Amino acid sequence: METKKNIKLHIKKGDTVKVIAGENKGSQGVIKQIFRKENRAIVEGLNMVKRHVRPTAESPGGVFEKEAPIHISNLMLVDADGVASKVRMEVKDGKKVRVSKKTNQVID
C-alpha cells in the first residue's frame, strides 16, 4: 500500500477560515482539528452531519449532530481584518511567517 506524504499546509489549528466551495460556501469558522494524511480539517459549526447512536448503559442514545471534515483545498485563510486571501511564506527576523497576499499582513 502506498503511503501519502505529509504536505505543508497554509492553515493550522485555531485559524479562522472561509469555505470557498461546497454546501457551506461563504461560511466562516475556526479550525478545531486537522487530519494531515487525509488533507482535511474540522471547522467549528460547519459541515454538520447527523450521527445515530445506539443506547448503552451510560448514555440514552439518539441522533446527534457533529462536524464532518472538509477538504483543505476548499478552505481559505482569513486574516485579522476579516479578508480571505491566499497565503505566502516569508522569512522575517529569522522566522518563517505566513503573509496574506491581499493585505500583506503577517498572519501568525
C-alpha atoms as a PDB file:
ATOM      1  CA  MET A   1       0.000   0.000   0.000  1.00  0.00           C
ATOM      2  CA  GLU A   2       1.250   3.439  -0.922  1.00  0.00           C
ATOM      3  CA  THR A   3       1.645   5.972   1.901  1.00  0.00           C
ATOM      4  CA  LYS A   4       0.831   9.627   1.371  1.00  0.00           C
ATOM      5  CA  LYS A   5       3.496  12.203   2.060  1.00  0.00           C
ATOM      6  CA  ASN A   6       2.619  14.936   4.546  1.00  0.00           C
ATOM      7  CA  ILE A   7       2.453  18.228   2.699  1.00  0.00           C
ATOM      8  CA  LYS A   8       2.883  21.688   4.160  1.00  0.00           C
ATOM      9  CA  LEU A   9      -0.442  23.369   4.843  1.00  0.00           C
ATOM     10  CA  HIS A  10      -1.479  27.005   4.616  1.00  0.00           C
ATOM     11  CA  ILE A  11      -3.744  26.661   7.672  1.00  0.00           C
ATOM     12  CA  LYS A  12      -3.382  25.352  11.207  1.00  0.00           C
ATOM     13  CA  LYS A  13      -5.481  24.682  14.294  1.00  0.00           C
ATOM     14  CA  GLY A  14      -7.118  27.822  15.693  1.00  0.00           C
ATOM     15  CA  ASP A  15      -7.129  29.730  12.377  1.00  0.00           C
ATOM     16  CA  THR A  16     -10.280  31.408  11.099  1.00  0.00           C
ATOM     17  CA  VAL A  17     -11.119  30.127   7.627  1.00  0.00           C
ATOM     18  CA  LYS A  18     -13.731  30.748   4.940  1.00  0.00           C
ATOM     19  CA  VAL A  19     -15.289  27.917   2.926  1.00  0.00           C
ATOM     20  CA  ILE A  20     -14.873  28.628  -0.799  1.00  0.00           C
ATOM     21  CA  ALA A  21     -16.631  25.564  -2.249  1.00  0.00           C
ATOM     22  CA  GLY A  22     -19.333  23.102  -1.355  1.00  0.00           C
ATOM     23  CA  GLU A  23     -22.565  23.195   0.617  1.00  0.00           C
ATOM     24  CA  ASN A  24     -21.238  25.644   3.225  1.00  0.00           C
ATOM     25  CA  LYS A  25     -19.708  28.074   0.686  1.00  0.00           C
ATOM     26  CA  GLY A  26     -19.229  31.559   2.128  1.00  0.00           C
ATOM     27  CA  SER A  27     -19.369  30.469   5.779  1.00  0.00           C
ATOM     28  CA  GLN A  28     -16.591  31.189   8.259  1.00  0.00           C
ATOM     29  CA  GLY A  29     -15.396  29.218  11.257  1.00  0.00           C
ATOM     30  CA  VAL A  30     -12.435  28.269  13.421  1.00  0.00           C
ATOM     31  CA  ILE A  31     -10.415  25.108  12.769  1.00  0.00           C
ATOM     32  CA  LYS A  32     -10.772  22.580  15.597  1.00  0.00           C
ATOM     33  CA  GLN A  33      -8.685  19.725  14.211  1.00  0.00           C
ATOM     34  CA  ILE A  34      -6.544  18.902  11.164  1.00  0.00           C
ATOM     35  CA  PHE A  35      -6.029  15.474   9.579  1.00  0.00           C
ATOM     36  CA  ARG A  36      -2.749  15.862   7.674  1.00  0.00           C
ATOM     37  CA  LYS A  37      -2.772  12.444   5.983  1.00  0.00           C
ATOM     38  CA  GLU A  38      -6.259  12.976   4.526  1.00  0.00           C
ATOM     39  CA  ASN A  39      -5.739  16.731   3.832  1.00  0.00           C
ATOM     40  CA  ARG A  40      -8.933  17.505   5.725  1.00  0.00           C
ATOM     41  CA  ALA A  41      -9.916  19.750   8.625  1.00  0.00           C
ATOM     42  CA  ILE A  42     -12.847  20.022  11.020  1.00  0.00           C
ATOM     43  CA  VAL A  43     -14.254  23.553  11.148  1.00  0.00           C
ATOM     44  CA  GLU A  44     -16.328  24.542  14.170  1.00  0.00           C
ATOM     45  CA  GLY A  45     -20.051  24.686  13.363  1.00  0.00           C
ATOM     46  CA  LEU A  46     -19.714  23.825   9.647  1.00  0.00           C
ATOM     47  CA  ASN A  47     -20.447  20.709   7.564  1.00  0.00           C
ATOM     48  CA  MET A  48     -22.784  19.260  10.206  1.00  0.00           C
ATOM     49  CA  VAL A  49     -23.896  15.628   9.831  1.00  0.00           C
ATOM     50  CA  LYS A  50     -26.274  13.502  11.878  1.00  0.00           C
ATOM     51  CA  ARG A  51     -24.891  10.545  13.842  1.00  0.00           C
ATOM     52  CA  HIS A  52     -27.295   7.866  15.074  1.00  0.00           C
ATOM     53  CA  VAL A  53     -26.089   6.405  18.370  1.00  0.00           C
ATOM     54  CA  ARG A  54     -27.400   3.182  19.887  1.00  0.00           C
ATOM     55  CA  PRO A  55     -28.398   3.393  23.578  1.00  0.00           C
ATOM     56  CA  THR A  56     -25.937   1.960  26.108  1.00  0.00           C
ATOM     57  CA  ALA A  57     -25.836   1.663  29.892  1.00  0.00           C
ATOM     58  CA  GLU A  58     -24.016   5.034  30.138  1.00  0.00           C
ATOM     59  CA  SER A  59     -25.913   7.050  27.520  1.00  0.00           C
ATOM     60  CA  PRO A  60     -29.510   7.080  26.293  1.00  0.00           C
ATOM     61  CA  GLY A  61     -28.504   7.228  22.610  1.00  0.00           C
ATOM     62  CA  GLY A  62     -30.347   9.179  19.941  1.00  0.00           C
ATOM     63  CA  VAL A  63     -29.482  11.345  16.966  1.00  0.00           C
ATOM     64  CA  PHE A  64     -26.584  13.750  17.473  1.00  0.00           C
ATOM     65  CA  GLU A  65     -25.142  16.390  15.150  1.00  0.00           C
ATOM     66  CA  LYS A  66     -21.376  16.743  14.735  1.00  0.00           C
ATOM     67  CA  GLU A  67     -18.924  18.372  12.346  1.00  0.00           C
ATOM     68  CA  ALA A  68     -17.568  16.339   9.437  1.00  0.00           C
ATOM     69  CA  PRO A  69     -14.129  17.037   7.918  1.00  0.00           C
ATOM     70  CA  ILE A  70     -13.806  19.422   4.945  1.00  0.00           C
ATOM     71  CA  HIS A  71     -11.025  19.127   2.367  1.00  0.00           C
ATOM     72  CA  ILE A  72      -8.318  21.738   2.887  1.00  0.00           C
ATOM     73  CA  SER A  73      -8.476  22.874  -0.757  1.00  0.00           C
ATOM     74  CA  ASN A  74     -11.978  24.184  -0.014  1.00  0.00           C
ATOM     75  CA  LEU A  75     -10.765  26.438   2.817  1.00  0.00           C
ATOM     76  CA  MET A  76      -9.196  29.897   2.588  1.00  0.00           C
ATOM     77  CA  LEU A  77      -7.438  31.622   5.463  1.00  0.00           C
ATOM     78  CA  VAL A  78      -8.987  34.824   6.872  1.00  0.00           C
ATOM     79  CA  ASP A  79      -6.643  37.482   8.310  1.00  0.00           C
ATOM     80  CA  ALA A  80      -7.270  39.798  11.280  1.00  0.00           C
ATOM     81  CA  ASP A  81      -9.180  42.303   9.094  1.00  0.00           C
ATOM     82  CA  GLY A  82     -11.649  39.594   8.009  1.00  0.00           C
ATOM     83  CA  VAL A  83     -10.293  39.419   4.455  1.00  0.00           C
ATOM     84  CA  ALA A  84      -9.952  35.940   2.946  1.00  0.00           C
ATOM     85  CA  SER A  85      -6.872  35.597   0.763  1.00  0.00           C
ATOM     86  CA  LYS A  86      -4.148  33.274  -0.417  1.00  0.00           C
ATOM     87  CA  VAL A  87      -1.067  32.880   1.756  1.00  0.00           C
ATOM     88  CA  ARG A  88       2.633  33.179   1.001  1.00  0.00           C
ATOM     89  CA  MET A  89       5.549  32.300   3.241  1.00  0.00           C
ATOM     90  CA  GLU A  90       8.225  34.888   4.106  1.00  0.00           C
ATOM     91  CA  VAL A  91      11.211  34.984   6.418  1.00  0.00           C
ATOM     92  CA  LYS A  92      11.111  37.940   8.837  1.00  0.00           C
ATOM     93  CA  ASP A  93      13.646  38.353  11.657  1.00  0.00           C
ATOM     94  CA  GLY A  94      14.892  34.818  11.010  1.00  0.00           C
ATOM     95  CA  LYS A  95      11.427  33.271  11.443  1.00  0.00           C
ATOM     96  CA  LYS A  96       9.191  31.824   8.757  1.00  0.00           C
ATOM     97  CA  VAL A  97       5.775  33.554   8.833  1.00  0.00           C
ATOM     98  CA  ARG A  98       2.573  33.428   6.805  1.00  0.00           C
ATOM     99  CA  VAL A  99       1.621  36.616   4.956  1.00  0.00           C
ATOM    100  CA  SER A 100      -1.740  37.463   3.369  1.00  0.00           C
ATOM    101  CA  LYS A 101      -1.326  38.107  -0.358  1.00  0.00           C
ATOM    102  CA  LYS A 102      -4.147  40.679  -0.485  1.00  0.00           C
ATOM    103  CA  THR A 103      -3.278  42.811   2.541  1.00  0.00           C
ATOM    104  CA  ASN A 104       0.441  41.970   3.038  1.00  0.00           C
ATOM    105  CA  GLN A 105      -0.399  41.395   6.712  1.00  0.00           C
ATOM    106  CA  VAL A 106       1.501  38.851   8.850  1.00  0.00           C
ATOM    107  CA  ILE A 107      -0.991  36.211   9.988  1.00  0.00           C
ATOM    108  CA  ASP A 108       0.860  34.438  12.813  1.00  0.00           C
END
